[in-house]
C-alpha atoms as a PDB file:
ATOM      1  CA  MET A   1      -0.550 -11.518   7.200  1.00  0.00           C
ATOM      2  CA  LYS A   2      -3.669 -11.475   9.868  1.00  0.00           C
ATOM      3  CA  ALA A   3      -4.474  -7.812  11.677  1.00  0.00           C
ATOM      4  CA  ILE A   4      -6.751  -7.117  14.417  1.00  0.00           C
ATOM      5  CA  PHE A   5      -8.693  -4.553  13.614  1.00  0.00           C
ATOM      6  CA  GLU A   6     -11.086  -1.464  15.913  1.00  0.00           C
ATOM      7  CA  ARG A   7     -14.126  -1.522  14.179  1.00  0.00           C
ATOM      8  CA  LYS A   8     -14.739   2.773  13.558  1.00  0.00           C
ATOM      9  CA  ALA A   9     -12.146   3.714  15.719  1.00  0.00           C
ATOM     10  CA  SER A  10     -11.878   7.274  16.901  1.00  0.00           C
ATOM     11  CA  ASP A  11      -8.559   7.074  16.466  1.00  0.00           C
ATOM     12  CA  PHE A  12      -5.274   5.617  17.342  1.00  0.00           C
ATOM     13  CA  ASP A  13      -3.094   5.487  20.619  1.00  0.00           C
ATOM     14  CA  LEU A  14       0.591   5.045  19.432  1.00  0.00           C
ATOM     15  CA  TRP A  15       3.604   5.146  22.376  1.00  0.00           C
ATOM     16  CA  SER A  16       6.788   3.399  22.008  1.00  0.00           C
ATOM     17  CA  PHE A  17       8.505   0.594  22.957  1.00  0.00           C
ATOM     18  CA  GLU A  18      11.390  -1.206  23.479  1.00  0.00           C
ATOM     19  CA  VAL A  19      11.369  -5.429  23.506  1.00  0.00           C
ATOM     20  CA  SER A  20      13.649  -5.561  26.793  1.00  0.00           C
ATOM     21  CA  LYS A  21      12.865  -9.090  26.378  1.00  0.00           C
ATOM     22  CA  THR A  22      11.930 -11.746  23.122  1.00  0.00           C
ATOM     23  CA  ILE A  23      10.597 -15.241  24.473  1.00  0.00           C
ATOM     24  CA  ARG A  24       9.609 -17.987  22.274  1.00  0.00           C
ATOM     25  CA  LEU A  25       7.292 -20.121  22.956  1.00  0.00           C
ATOM     26  CA  PRO A  26       5.829 -23.644  22.030  1.00  0.00           C
ATOM     27  CA  ALA A  27       3.090 -22.791  18.981  1.00  0.00           C
ATOM     28  CA  GLU A  28       0.153 -24.368  20.709  1.00  0.00           C
ATOM     29  CA  VAL A  29       0.916 -22.119  23.535  1.00  0.00           C
ATOM     30  CA  PHE A  30       1.289 -18.880  21.913  1.00  0.00           C
ATOM     31  CA  GLU A  31      -2.239 -19.643  20.403  1.00  0.00           C
ATOM     32  CA  ALA A  32      -3.573 -20.264  23.309  1.00  0.00           C
ATOM     33  CA  VAL A  33      -2.311 -16.703  25.245  1.00  0.00           C
ATOM     34  CA  LEU A  34      -3.632 -14.668  21.962  1.00  0.00           C
ATOM     35  CA  GLN A  35      -7.246 -17.329  21.855  1.00  0.00           C
ATOM     36  CA  LYS A  36      -7.409 -16.459  25.792  1.00  0.00           C
ATOM     37  CA  PRO A  37      -4.477 -13.053  27.104  1.00  0.00           C
ATOM     38  CA  MET A  38      -6.480 -12.425  30.452  1.00  0.00           C
ATOM     39  CA  ARG A  39      -5.441 -15.556  31.403  1.00  0.00           C
ATOM     40  CA  ASP A  40      -2.802 -15.834  34.128  1.00  0.00           C
ATOM     41  CA  TYR A  41       0.801 -17.386  32.568  1.00  0.00           C
ATOM     42  CA  ASP A  42       4.148 -18.246  34.514  1.00  0.00           C
ATOM     43  CA  PHE A  43       5.710 -17.249  31.228  1.00  0.00           C
ATOM     44  CA  ILE A  44       4.955 -13.582  31.941  1.00  0.00           C
ATOM     45  CA  GLN A  45       4.232 -13.490  35.987  1.00  0.00           C
ATOM     46  CA  ASP A  46       8.091 -15.202  36.295  1.00  0.00           C
ATOM     47  CA  ASN A  47       9.203 -11.568  34.105  1.00  0.00           C
ATOM     48  CA  ILE A  48       7.419  -9.045  35.530  1.00  0.00           C
ATOM     49  CA  ALA A  49      11.112  -7.410  36.504  1.00  0.00           C
ATOM     50  CA  GLN A  50      11.548  -6.606  32.436  1.00  0.00           C
ATOM     51  CA  MET A  51       8.979  -5.116  31.716  1.00  0.00           C
ATOM     52  CA  HIS A  52       7.544  -1.107  33.228  1.00  0.00           C
ATOM     53  CA  CYS A  53       7.190   1.958  31.686  1.00  0.00           C
ATOM     54  CA  ASP A  54      10.581   4.587  32.071  1.00  0.00           C
ATOM     55  CA  SER A  55       9.624   8.584  33.407  1.00  0.00           C
ATOM     56  CA  SER A  56      10.191   9.180  29.255  1.00  0.00           C
ATOM     57  CA  GLY A  57       6.817   7.813  28.369  1.00  0.00           C
ATOM     58  CA  VAL A  58       8.255   4.565  27.171  1.00  0.00           C
ATOM     59  CA  TYR A  59       7.337   1.075  27.852  1.00  0.00           C
ATOM     60  CA  HIS A  60       9.132  -1.882  28.121  1.00  0.00           C
ATOM     61  CA  CYS A  61       7.316  -5.174  26.769  1.00  0.00           C
ATOM     62  CA  LEU A  62       7.911  -8.946  26.657  1.00  0.00           C
ATOM     63  CA  LEU A  63       7.352 -10.043  22.574  1.00  0.00           C
ATOM     64  CA  LEU A  64       6.623 -13.552  22.653  1.00  0.00           C
ATOM     65  CA  THR A  65       5.938 -15.729  19.773  1.00  0.00           C
ATOM     66  CA  GLY A  66       5.008 -19.311  19.175  1.00  0.00           C
ATOM     67  CA  GLU A  67       8.038 -21.786  17.668  1.00  0.00           C
ATOM     68  CA  ASP A  68       8.063 -21.071  13.526  1.00  0.00           C
ATOM     69  CA  ARG A  69       5.541 -18.697  13.735  1.00  0.00           C
ATOM     70  CA  LYS A  70       6.101 -15.212  12.373  1.00  0.00           C
ATOM     71  CA  ASP A  71       4.011 -12.913  14.533  1.00  0.00           C
ATOM     72  CA  GLY A  72       4.163 -12.096  17.889  1.00  0.00           C
ATOM     73  CA  LEU A  73       2.799 -10.108  20.294  1.00  0.00           C
ATOM     74  CA  LEU A  74       3.869  -7.012  22.801  1.00  0.00           C
ATOM     75  CA  VAL A  75       3.004  -7.391  26.224  1.00  0.00           C
ATOM     76  CA  GLU A  76       3.321  -5.246  29.514  1.00  0.00           C
ATOM     77  CA  SER A  77       1.374  -6.498  32.456  1.00  0.00           C
ATOM     78  CA  GLU A  78       2.241  -3.553  34.168  1.00  0.00           C
ATOM     79  CA  GLY A  79       2.771  -5.899  37.433  1.00  0.00           C
ATOM     80  CA  TYR A  80       0.260  -8.863  36.484  1.00  0.00           C
ATOM     81  CA  GLY A  81       1.081 -12.671  35.344  1.00  0.00           C
ATOM     82  CA  TYR A  82      -1.778 -11.795  32.310  1.00  0.00           C
ATOM     83  CA  CYS A  83      -1.205  -9.151  29.383  1.00  0.00           C
ATOM     84  CA  ARG A  84      -3.078  -6.245  30.323  1.00  0.00           C
ATOM     85  CA  TYR A  85      -1.347  -4.549  27.730  1.00  0.00           C
ATOM     86  CA  ALA A  86      -0.204  -5.857  24.467  1.00  0.00           C
ATOM     87  CA  SER A  87      -0.386  -5.594  21.434  1.00  0.00           C
ATOM     88  CA  TYR A  88      -0.551  -7.191  18.122  1.00  0.00           C
ATOM     89  CA  VAL A  89       2.278  -7.673  15.612  1.00  0.00           C
ATOM     90  CA  PRO A  90       2.190  -9.730  12.262  1.00  0.00           C
ATOM     91  CA  ASP A  91       5.481 -10.079  10.991  1.00  0.00           C
ATOM     92  CA  ILE A  92       8.397 -10.416  14.486  1.00  0.00           C
ATOM     93  CA  SER A  93      11.086  -8.881  11.814  1.00  0.00           C
ATOM     94  CA  ALA A  94      12.589  -6.005  12.316  1.00  0.00           C
ATOM     95  CA  LEU A  95      11.805  -6.436  15.820  1.00  0.00           C
ATOM     96  CA  THR A  96      13.900  -9.468  16.717  1.00  0.00           C
ATOM     97  CA  SER A  97      16.939  -8.054  14.431  1.00  0.00           C
ATOM     98  CA  PRO A  98      17.659  -4.495  14.131  1.00  0.00           C
ATOM     99  CA  ALA A  99      20.937  -4.468  11.236  1.00  0.00           C
ATOM    100  CA  LEU A 100      17.254  -6.491   9.319  1.00  0.00           C
ATOM    101  CA  GLN A 101      15.331  -3.247  10.601  1.00  0.00           C
ATOM    102  CA  HIS A 102      17.584  -0.782   9.299  1.00  0.00           C
ATOM    103  CA  LEU A 103      18.364  -3.334   5.755  1.00  0.00           C
ATOM    104  CA  ASN A 104      14.894  -2.755   5.107  1.00  0.00           C
ATOM    105  CA  GLU A 105      14.420   0.332   5.702  1.00  0.00           C
ATOM    106  CA  ARG A 106      17.899   1.754   2.706  1.00  0.00           C
ATOM    107  CA  MET A 107      16.470  -0.388   0.308  1.00  0.00           C
ATOM    108  CA  THR A 108      13.160   0.899   1.293  1.00  0.00           C
ATOM    109  CA  ALA A 109      14.186   4.316   0.925  1.00  0.00           C
ATOM    110  CA  ALA A 110      16.604   2.933  -1.981  1.00  0.00           C
ATOM    111  CA  ALA A 111      13.031   1.943  -3.849  1.00  0.00           C
ATOM    112  CA  ASP A 112      11.481   4.915  -3.636  1.00  0.00           C
ATOM    113  CA  TYR A 113      13.996   7.223  -4.621  1.00  0.00           C
ATOM    114  CA  ILE A 114      13.921   5.454  -7.846  1.00  0.00           C
ATOM    115  CA  VAL A 115      11.322   5.474  -8.244  1.00  0.00           C
ATOM    116  CA  SER A 116       9.733   9.262  -8.484  1.00  0.00           C
ATOM    117  CA  THR A 117      13.599  10.359  -9.427  1.00  0.00           C
ATOM    118  CA  GLY A 118      11.829   8.745 -12.808  1.00  0.00           C
ATOM    119  CA  THR A 119       9.161   9.102 -13.354  1.00  0.00           C
ATOM    120  CA  GLN A 120       8.897  11.795 -12.324  1.00  0.00           C
ATOM    121  CA  ASN A 121      12.312  13.872 -14.207  1.00  0.00           C
ATOM    122  CA  THR A 122      11.785  11.271 -17.605  1.00  0.00           C
ATOM    123  CA  THR A 123      10.905  12.508 -21.187  1.00  0.00           C
ATOM    124  CA  GLU A 124      11.123   9.230 -22.264  1.00  0.00           C
ATOM    125  CA  GLY A 125       9.467   6.208 -20.474  1.00  0.00           C
ATOM    126  CA  ASN A 126      12.603   4.973 -18.926  1.00  0.00           C
ATOM    127  CA  TRP A 127      15.658   6.714 -16.334  1.00  0.00           C
ATOM    128  CA  ILE A 128      19.244   5.476 -15.501  1.00  0.00           C
ATOM    129  CA  ILE A 129      20.513   5.885 -12.271  1.00  0.00           C
ATOM    130  CA  SER A 130      24.174   4.956 -10.552  1.00  0.00           C
ATOM    131  CA  PHE A 131      24.749   2.809  -7.682  1.00  0.00           C
ATOM    132  CA  ASP A 132      27.056   6.486  -6.776  1.00  0.00           C
ATOM    133  CA  GLU A 133      23.611   9.035  -7.130  1.00  0.00           C
ATOM    134  CA  LEU A 134      22.401   5.666  -5.024  1.00  0.00           C
ATOM    135  CA  ALA A 135      24.646   5.299  -2.456  1.00  0.00           C
ATOM    136  CA  GLN A 136      25.060   9.665  -1.841  1.00  0.00           C
ATOM    137  CA  GLN A 137      20.971   9.662  -1.945  1.00  0.00           C
ATOM    138  CA  THR A 138      19.568   7.182   0.140  1.00  0.00           C
ATOM    139  CA  GLY A 139      22.686   6.099   1.963  1.00  0.00           C
ATOM    140  CA  PHE A 140      22.170   1.990   0.039  1.00  0.00           C
ATOM    141  CA  GLU A 141      25.477   0.327  -0.868  1.00  0.00           C
ATOM    142  CA  HIS A 142      25.085  -2.172  -3.236  1.00  0.00           C
ATOM    143  CA  ASP A 143      26.209  -6.148  -3.856  1.00  0.00           C
ATOM    144  CA  PHE A 144      25.228  -8.337  -4.883  1.00  0.00           C
ATOM    145  CA  ASN A 145      22.867 -10.185  -2.577  1.00  0.00           C
ATOM    146  CA  SER A 146      20.800  -6.924  -1.468  1.00  0.00           C
ATOM    147  CA  MET A 147      20.697  -6.050  -5.188  1.00  0.00           C
ATOM    148  CA  ASP A 148      18.696  -8.866  -5.618  1.00  0.00           C
ATOM    149  CA  THR A 149      16.211  -7.969  -3.182  1.00  0.00           C
ATOM    150  CA  LEU A 150      15.717  -4.598  -4.524  1.00  0.00           C
ATOM    151  CA  LEU A 151      15.419  -5.278  -8.111  1.00  0.00           C
ATOM    152  CA  ASP A 152      12.540  -7.585  -6.628  1.00  0.00           C
ATOM    153  CA  MET A 153      11.241  -5.344  -4.300  1.00  0.00           C
ATOM    154  CA  LEU A 154      10.984  -2.257  -7.665  1.00  0.00           C
ATOM    155  CA  HIS A 155       9.270  -5.525  -9.984  1.00  0.00           C
ATOM    156  CA  GLU A 156       6.784  -5.496  -7.607  1.00  0.00           C
ATOM    157  CA  ARG A 157       5.857  -1.250  -7.736  1.00  0.00           C
ATOM    158  CA  GLU A 158       2.953  -0.692 -10.001  1.00  0.00           C
ATOM    159  CA  GLU A 159       5.638   2.200 -11.747  1.00  0.00           C
ATOM    160  CA  VAL A 160       7.629  -0.511 -12.659  1.00  0.00           C
ATOM    161  CA  ALA A 161       7.178  -1.818 -15.997  1.00  0.00           C
ATOM    162  CA  ASN A 162      11.288  -3.372 -16.566  1.00  0.00           C
ATOM    163  CA  VAL A 163      14.018  -3.577 -14.552  1.00  0.00           C
ATOM    164  CA  GLU A 164      17.869  -3.677 -16.003  1.00  0.00           C
ATOM    165  CA  LEU A 165      21.043  -4.634 -13.570  1.00  0.00           C
ATOM    166  CA  GLY A 166      24.983  -2.359 -15.457  1.00  0.00           C
ATOM    167  CA  ASP A 167      27.959  -2.943 -13.677  1.00  0.00           C
ATOM    168  CA  THR A 168      27.676   1.060 -12.426  1.00  0.00           C
ATOM    169  CA  ALA A 169      23.991   1.370 -12.226  1.00  0.00           C
ATOM    170  CA  ILE A 170      20.405   0.802 -12.807  1.00  0.00           C
ATOM    171  CA  ASP A 171      17.696   1.612 -15.904  1.00  0.00           C
ATOM    172  CA  VAL A 172      14.598   1.315 -15.637  1.00  0.00           C
ATOM    173  CA  CYS A 173      11.548   1.078 -18.187  1.00  0.00           C
ATOM    174  CA  TYR A 174       8.320   3.117 -16.922  1.00  0.00           C
ATOM    175  CA  TYR A 175       4.664   2.963 -17.847  1.00  0.00           C
ATOM    176  CA  LEU A 176       4.794   6.628 -19.069  1.00  0.00           C
ATOM    177  CA  ASP A 177       0.612   7.047 -17.486  1.00  0.00           C
ATOM    178  CA  PHE A 178       3.083   7.244 -14.456  1.00  0.00           C
ATOM    179  CA  CYS A 179       6.006  10.159 -16.120  1.00  0.00           C
ATOM    180  CA  PRO A 180       4.079  13.218 -15.883  1.00  0.00           C
ATOM    181  CA  GLN A 181       7.168  14.491 -17.931  1.00  0.00           C
ATOM    182  CA  TYR A 182       6.252  12.147 -21.224  1.00  0.00           C
ATOM    183  CA  GLY A 183       5.978  14.100 -24.017  1.00  0.00           C
ATOM    184  CA  GLY A 184       5.214  11.282 -26.439  1.00  0.00           C
ATOM    185  CA  HIS A 185       6.895  10.644 -29.894  1.00  0.00           C
ATOM    186  CA  PRO A 186       5.689  12.907 -33.186  1.00  0.00           C
ATOM    187  CA  GLU A 187       4.168   9.241 -34.678  1.00  0.00           C
ATOM    188  CA  GLU A 188       1.956   9.310 -31.671  1.00  0.00           C
ATOM    189  CA  ALA A 189       0.271  11.692 -32.582  1.00  0.00           C
ATOM    190  CA  GLU A 190      -3.070  12.452 -34.378  1.00  0.00           C
ATOM    191  CA  PRO A 191      -3.008  12.480 -38.497  1.00  0.00           C
ATOM    192  CA  GLY A 192      -2.663  15.791 -39.108  1.00  0.00           C
ATOM    193  CA  GLN A 193      -0.682  17.767 -36.298  1.00  0.00           C
ATOM    194  CA  LEU A 194       2.297  17.132 -37.679  1.00  0.00           C
ATOM    195  CA  SER A 195       4.495  19.571 -38.555  1.00  0.00           C
ATOM    196  CA  GLU A 196       5.506  19.849 -41.929  1.00  0.00           C
ATOM    197  CA  SER A 197       9.126  19.906 -40.529  1.00  0.00           C
ATOM    198  CA  ALA A 198       9.023  16.349 -39.110  1.00  0.00           C
ATOM    199  CA  ALA A 199      12.178  14.574 -39.324  1.00  0.00           C
ATOM    200  CA  PRO A 200      10.832  11.282 -41.760  1.00  0.00           C
ATOM    201  CA  VAL A 201      10.362   7.877 -39.676  1.00  0.00           C
ATOM    202  CA  SER A 202      12.221   5.519 -41.682  1.00  0.00           C
ATOM    203  CA  ARG A 203       9.881   2.758 -41.879  1.00  0.00           C
ATOM    204  CA  LEU A 204      11.633  -1.313 -40.958  1.00  0.00           C
ATOM    205  CA  LYS A 205      12.484  -2.118 -43.789  1.00  0.00           C
ATOM    206  CA  GLU A 206      14.571   0.887 -44.069  1.00  0.00           C
ATOM    207  CA  LEU A 207      15.833  -0.258 -39.910  1.00  0.00           C
ATOM    208  CA  LEU A 208      16.757  -4.056 -40.726  1.00  0.00           C
ATOM    209  CA  HIS A 209      20.042  -2.543 -42.712  1.00  0.00           C
ATOM    210  CA  LEU A 210      21.152  -2.189 -39.468  1.00  0.00           C
ATOM    211  CA  HIS A 211      22.061  -4.705 -37.102  1.00  0.00           C
ATOM    212  CA  TRP A 212      19.685  -4.197 -33.902  1.00  0.00           C
ATOM    213  CA  GLU A 213      20.096  -5.803 -30.211  1.00  0.00           C
ATOM    214  CA  ASP A 214      17.813  -6.408 -26.825  1.00  0.00           C
ATOM    215  CA  ILE A 215      15.064  -4.117 -28.158  1.00  0.00           C
ATOM    216  CA  HIS A 216      12.552  -4.172 -25.619  1.00  0.00           C
ATOM    217  CA  LEU A 217       8.975  -4.050 -27.034  1.00  0.00           C
ATOM    218  CA  LEU A 218       6.057  -2.238 -25.102  1.00  0.00           C
ATOM    219  CA  HIS A 219       1.803  -1.950 -25.847  1.00  0.00           C
ATOM    220  CA  LYS A 220       2.034   2.062 -25.134  1.00  0.00           C
ATOM    221  CA  ASP A 221      -2.252   1.489 -24.158  1.00  0.00           C
ATOM    222  CA  VAL A 222      -1.814  -2.177 -22.387  1.00  0.00           C
ATOM    223  CA  GLU A 223       0.062  -2.767 -19.541  1.00  0.00           C
ATOM    224  CA  VAL A 224       2.167  -6.295 -20.237  1.00  0.00           C
ATOM    225  CA  GLN A 225       6.285  -7.222 -19.497  1.00  0.00           C
ATOM    226  CA  PRO A 226       8.351  -6.254 -22.374  1.00  0.00           C
ATOM    227  CA  ALA A 227       9.727  -8.037 -24.785  1.00  0.00           C
ATOM    228  CA  THR A 228      12.661  -8.793 -26.181  1.00  0.00           C
ATOM    229  CA  ILE A 229      13.960  -9.172 -29.430  1.00  0.00           C
ATOM    230  CA  VAL A 230      18.264 -10.672 -28.519  1.00  0.00           C
ATOM    231  CA  GLU A 231      18.850  -9.610 -32.904  1.00  0.00           C
ATOM    232  CA  LEU A 232      17.141  -8.311 -34.616  1.00  0.00           C
ATOM    233  CA  ASP A 233      18.946  -8.030 -38.697  1.00  0.00           C
ATOM    234  CA  GLU A 234      17.589  -8.219 -42.601  1.00  0.00           C
ATOM    235  CA  HIS A 235      19.212 -11.837 -42.316  1.00  0.00           C
ATOM    236  CA  THR A 236      16.705 -13.116 -39.319  1.00  0.00           C
ATOM    237  CA  LEU A 237      13.988 -12.907 -40.060  1.00  0.00           C
ATOM    238  CA  THR A 238      11.296 -15.586 -41.582  1.00  0.00           C
ATOM    239  CA  ASP A 239      10.816 -15.352 -45.530  1.00  0.00           C
ATOM    240  CA  ALA A 240       6.776 -14.717 -44.348  1.00  0.00           C
ATOM    241  CA  GLY A 241       8.680 -12.157 -42.758  1.00  0.00           C
ATOM    242  CA  LYS A 242       9.903 -10.535 -45.550  1.00  0.00           C
ATOM    243  CA  ALA A 243       7.572 -10.443 -47.282  1.00  0.00           C
ATOM    244  CA  GLY A 244       5.681  -8.257 -44.790  1.00  0.00           C
ATOM    245  CA  LEU A 245       7.611  -5.576 -44.752  1.00  0.00           C
ATOM    246  CA  GLY A 246       6.054  -4.794 -48.991  1.00  0.00           C
END
């Protein structure tokens, strides 16, 4: 993705706009417009009536783009045949599809809510948010297609270690550096800091008398993808593993 960067900009004067018409040009023609925007072009001259600034200060523009291009150029020629006023747009998908823009806004709001609510409230490192709560707080109504995208968005967040999708809720594990309410566990305390009344910690050998499923292993200091043990009990260990228990 590319963008325009201004050197030592004193401010950014943002204008309200609406796209009056989208013109999809051959890729080489669109590239020529980007390289020489001050030239006169017939497709701008022929659409002068589509471009103006209304009484509310909203600029009505052409959106120029090229075949197989994701970027575009907003143009308000002010009655001329060249790009008198223009703004480069790296990704025009939201401009060409209001429905897609609305979906993106809702999904972004949902991802932000899941991350902010979970990290600020969890004391254990994970947080479960129901679909009903998500819809009530953000307006995001889940379905199979949009949920896959939401899960991808959550996996991209630096705060998120793992995401599990249930029938009625999302279970998210967060990296503990982002969880201010996380208080740690007794086994993480320094020697001598445990109170005499602290509950005894079970040894792995004792725990293996039970049958465990879907155990997620996290490293408290190193950010790695969680490892999952599907099943674990005294019968699933190898001879070497049993010997290591002592």
